[in-house]
PDB file of N, CA and C in Angstrom:
ATOM      1  N   MET A   1     -22.040 -29.116  38.359  1.00  0.00           N
ATOM      2  CA  MET A   1     -21.971 -27.788  38.086  1.00  0.00           C
ATOM      3  C   MET A   1     -20.810 -27.085  37.787  1.00  0.00           C
ATOM      4  N   THR A   2     -19.777 -26.379  37.208  1.00  0.00           N
ATOM      5  CA  THR A   2     -18.803 -25.909  37.444  1.00  0.00           C
ATOM      6  C   THR A   2     -19.447 -24.346  37.624  1.00  0.00           C
ATOM      7  N   LYS A   3     -19.150 -22.965  38.233  1.00  0.00           N
ATOM      8  CA  LYS A   3     -19.711 -21.217  37.740  1.00  0.00           C
ATOM      9  C   LYS A   3     -18.002 -21.402  36.464  1.00  0.00           C
ATOM     10  N   ARG A   4     -19.549 -20.387  35.803  1.00  0.00           N
ATOM     11  CA  ARG A   4     -19.547 -20.362  34.583  1.00  0.00           C
ATOM     12  C   ARG A   4     -18.437 -18.963  35.408  1.00  0.00           C
ATOM     13  N   LEU A   5     -17.030 -18.474  34.882  1.00  0.00           N
ATOM     14  CA  LEU A   5     -16.501 -16.818  34.833  1.00  0.00           C
ATOM     15  C   LEU A   5     -17.225 -16.169  33.063  1.00  0.00           C
ATOM     16  N   PRO A   6     -17.524 -14.940  34.373  1.00  0.00           N
ATOM     17  CA  PRO A   6     -17.201 -14.480  32.521  1.00  0.00           C
ATOM     18  C   PRO A   6     -16.026 -14.252  31.787  1.00  0.00           C
ATOM     19  N   PHE A   7     -15.549 -14.936  31.388  1.00  0.00           N
ATOM     20  CA  PHE A   7     -14.849 -15.036  29.840  1.00  0.00           C
ATOM     21  C   PHE A   7     -16.198 -15.355  29.101  1.00  0.00           C
ATOM     22  N   TYR A   8     -16.176 -14.181  28.188  1.00  0.00           N
ATOM     23  CA  TYR A   8     -17.402 -14.341  27.201  1.00  0.00           C
ATOM     24  C   TYR A   8     -16.380 -15.594  25.782  1.00  0.00           C
ATOM     25  N   GLY A   9     -15.177 -14.163  25.511  1.00  0.00           N
ATOM     26  CA  GLY A   9     -14.733 -14.797  24.455  1.00  0.00           C
ATOM     27  C   GLY A   9     -13.192 -14.878  24.344  1.00  0.00           C
ATOM     28  N   ILE A  10     -12.796 -15.563  25.366  1.00  0.00           N
ATOM     29  CA  ILE A  10     -11.097 -14.824  25.323  1.00  0.00           C
ATOM     30  C   ILE A  10     -10.638 -15.606  24.405  1.00  0.00           C
ATOM     31  N   GLY A  11      -9.680 -14.363  23.625  1.00  0.00           N
ATOM     32  CA  GLY A  11      -9.737 -14.844  21.488  1.00  0.00           C
ATOM     33  C   GLY A  11      -8.748 -13.772  21.619  1.00  0.00           C
ATOM     34  N   ILE A  12      -8.095 -13.547  20.119  1.00  0.00           N
ATOM     35  CA  ILE A  12      -7.580 -12.343  19.614  1.00  0.00           C
ATOM     36  C   ILE A  12      -8.885 -11.584  19.535  1.00  0.00           C
ATOM     37  N   HIS A  13     -10.132 -11.172  19.644  1.00  0.00           N
ATOM     38  CA  HIS A  13     -11.424 -11.193  19.356  1.00  0.00           C
ATOM     39  C   HIS A  13     -11.845  -9.944  20.226  1.00  0.00           C
ATOM     40  N   SER A  14     -11.220 -10.863  22.105  1.00  0.00           N
ATOM     41  CA  SER A  14     -11.656  -9.856  23.227  1.00  0.00           C
ATOM     42  C   SER A  14     -10.253  -9.346  23.445  1.00  0.00           C
ATOM     43  N   PHE A  15      -9.342  -8.788  22.436  1.00  0.00           N
ATOM     44  CA  PHE A  15      -7.718  -8.357  22.907  1.00  0.00           C
ATOM     45  C   PHE A  15      -7.681  -7.382  22.390  1.00  0.00           C
ATOM     46  N   LEU A  16      -8.591  -7.164  20.639  1.00  0.00           N
ATOM     47  CA  LEU A  16      -8.333  -6.247  20.212  1.00  0.00           C
ATOM     48  C   LEU A  16      -8.638  -4.605  20.733  1.00  0.00           C
ATOM     49  N   PRO A  17     -10.063  -4.499  20.845  1.00  0.00           N
ATOM     50  CA  PRO A  17     -10.246  -3.504  21.954  1.00  0.00           C
ATOM     51  C   PRO A  17      -8.820  -2.668  23.074  1.00  0.00           C
ATOM     52  N   PHE A  18      -8.325  -4.194  23.830  1.00  0.00           N
ATOM     53  CA  PHE A  18      -6.878  -3.255  24.445  1.00  0.00           C
ATOM     54  C   PHE A  18      -5.829  -3.195  23.238  1.00  0.00           C
ATOM     55  N   PHE A  19      -5.563  -4.116  22.593  1.00  0.00           N
ATOM     56  CA  PHE A  19      -4.408  -3.769  21.549  1.00  0.00           C
ATOM     57  C   PHE A  19      -4.831  -1.990  21.214  1.00  0.00           C
ATOM     58  N   SER A  20      -6.165  -1.589  20.685  1.00  0.00           N
ATOM     59  CA  SER A  20      -6.111  -0.214  19.835  1.00  0.00           C
ATOM     60  C   SER A  20      -5.710   0.613  20.741  1.00  0.00           C
ATOM     61  N   GLY A  21      -6.405   0.718  21.332  1.00  0.00           N
ATOM     62  CA  GLY A  21      -6.658   1.772  23.107  1.00  0.00           C
ATOM     63  C   GLY A  21      -5.047   1.472  23.668  1.00  0.00           C
ATOM     64  N   ALA A  22      -4.144   0.835  23.279  1.00  0.00           N
ATOM     65  CA  ALA A  22      -3.011   0.883  23.995  1.00  0.00           C
ATOM     66  C   ALA A  22      -1.754   1.494  23.191  1.00  0.00           C
ATOM     67  N   ALA A  23      -2.871   1.453  21.286  1.00  0.00           N
ATOM     68  CA  ALA A  23      -1.804   1.696  19.955  1.00  0.00           C
ATOM     69  C   ALA A  23      -1.855   3.645  20.621  1.00  0.00           C
ATOM     70  N   MET A  24      -3.781   4.251  21.182  1.00  0.00           N
ATOM     71  CA  MET A  24      -3.767   5.240  20.769  1.00  0.00           C
ATOM     72  C   MET A  24      -3.134   5.221  21.863  1.00  0.00           C
ATOM     73  N   ALA A  25      -3.152   4.885  23.500  1.00  0.00           N
ATOM     74  CA  ALA A  25      -2.192   6.027  23.990  1.00  0.00           C
ATOM     75  C   ALA A  25      -0.800   5.931  23.700  1.00  0.00           C
ATOM     76  N   PHE A  26      -0.057   4.985  23.385  1.00  0.00           N
ATOM     77  CA  PHE A  26       1.199   5.082  22.938  1.00  0.00           C
ATOM     78  C   PHE A  26       1.658   6.265  21.918  1.00  0.00           C
ATOM     79  N   SER A  27       0.291   6.632  21.761  1.00  0.00           N
ATOM     80  CA  SER A  27       1.121   7.421  20.346  1.00  0.00           C
ATOM     81  C   SER A  27       0.616   8.598  20.958  1.00  0.00           C
ATOM     82  N   SER A  28      -1.075   8.923  21.559  1.00  0.00           N
ATOM     83  CA  SER A  28      -0.363  10.076  22.157  1.00  0.00           C
ATOM     84  C   SER A  28       0.691  11.001  23.487  1.00  0.00           C
ATOM     85  N   VAL A  29       1.308  10.526  23.634  1.00  0.00           N
ATOM     86  CA  VAL A  29       2.051   9.991  24.623  1.00  0.00           C
ATOM     87  C   VAL A  29       3.238   9.786  24.279  1.00  0.00           C
ATOM     88  N   SER A  30       3.596   9.374  22.654  1.00  0.00           N
ATOM     89  CA  SER A  30       5.373  10.030  22.023  1.00  0.00           C
ATOM     90  C   SER A  30       4.442  11.484  21.256  1.00  0.00           C
ATOM     91  N   VAL A  31       3.407  11.348  20.781  1.00  0.00           N
ATOM     92  CA  VAL A  31       3.083  13.322  20.361  1.00  0.00           C
ATOM     93  C   VAL A  31       3.394  13.549  21.167  1.00  0.00           C
ATOM     94  N   VAL A  32       2.911  13.655  22.576  1.00  0.00           N
ATOM     95  CA  VAL A  32       3.252  15.036  23.517  1.00  0.00           C
ATOM     96  C   VAL A  32       4.910  14.986  23.958  1.00  0.00           C
ATOM     97  N   GLY A  33       5.144  13.542  23.563  1.00  0.00           N
ATOM     98  CA  GLY A  33       6.861  13.877  23.407  1.00  0.00           C
ATOM     99  C   GLY A  33       7.665  14.772  22.951  1.00  0.00           C
ATOM    100  N   ASN A  34       7.268  13.699  21.651  1.00  0.00           N
ATOM    101  CA  ASN A  34       8.094  14.557  20.529  1.00  0.00           C
ATOM    102  C   ASN A  34       7.555  16.651  20.069  1.00  0.00           C
ATOM    103  N   SER A  35       6.321  16.805  20.997  1.00  0.00           N
ATOM    104  CA  SER A  35       6.333  18.129  20.691  1.00  0.00           C
ATOM    105  C   SER A  35       7.525  18.997  22.415  1.00  0.00           C
ATOM    106  N   LEU A  36       7.368  18.083  23.391  1.00  0.00           N
ATOM    107  CA  LEU A  36       8.210  18.927  24.847  1.00  0.00           C
ATOM    108  C   LEU A  36       9.861  18.978  23.069  1.00  0.00           C
ATOM    109  N   LEU A  37       9.538  17.438  22.909  1.00  0.00           N
ATOM    110  CA  LEU A  37      11.571  18.077  22.962  1.00  0.00           C
ATOM    111  C   LEU A  37      11.704  18.852  21.512  1.00  0.00           C
ATOM    112  N   LEU A  38      10.796  18.422  20.691  1.00  0.00           N
ATOM    113  CA  LEU A  38      10.574  20.151  19.381  1.00  0.00           C
ATOM    114  C   LEU A  38      10.337  21.729  20.620  1.00  0.00           C
ATOM    115  N   MET A  39       9.798  21.777  20.993  1.00  0.00           N
ATOM    116  CA  MET A  39      10.636  22.467  22.496  1.00  0.00           C
ATOM    117  C   MET A  39      11.451  23.707  22.422  1.00  0.00           C
ATOM    118  N   GLU A  40      11.717  22.105  23.081  1.00  0.00           N
ATOM    119  CA  GLU A  40      12.858  22.142  23.751  1.00  0.00           C
ATOM    120  C   GLU A  40      14.454  23.407  22.624  1.00  0.00           C
ATOM    121  N   PHE A  41      14.452  22.233  21.424  1.00  0.00           N
ATOM    122  CA  PHE A  41      15.271  22.739  19.835  1.00  0.00           C
ATOM    123  C   PHE A  41      14.949  23.917  19.917  1.00  0.00           C
ATOM    124  N   LYS A  42      16.963  24.135  19.601  1.00  0.00           N
ATOM    125  CA  LYS A  42      17.348  25.686  19.155  1.00  0.00           C
ATOM    126  C   LYS A  42      18.683  25.023  17.755  1.00  0.00           C
ATOM    127  N   PRO A  43      17.538  25.978  16.699  1.00  0.00           N
ATOM    128  CA  PRO A  43      17.963  25.924  15.215  1.00  0.00           C
ATOM    129  C   PRO A  43      19.864  26.906  15.203  1.00  0.00           C
ATOM    130  N   ARG A  44      21.443  26.372  14.917  1.00  0.00           N
ATOM    131  CA  ARG A  44      22.578  26.953  14.686  1.00  0.00           C
ATOM    132  C   ARG A  44      21.816  28.206  13.755  1.00  0.00           C
TER     133      ARG A  44
END
């Protein structure tokens, strides 16, 4: 018998939480970066 590896659902369904977490992390980084840029912004 072959050993079963603990990959229960390799497919799009198992990667959806990963993609949503990565999108949330990128969103947070972009918000913080934009706020830092706006702090240095001086209107004429």
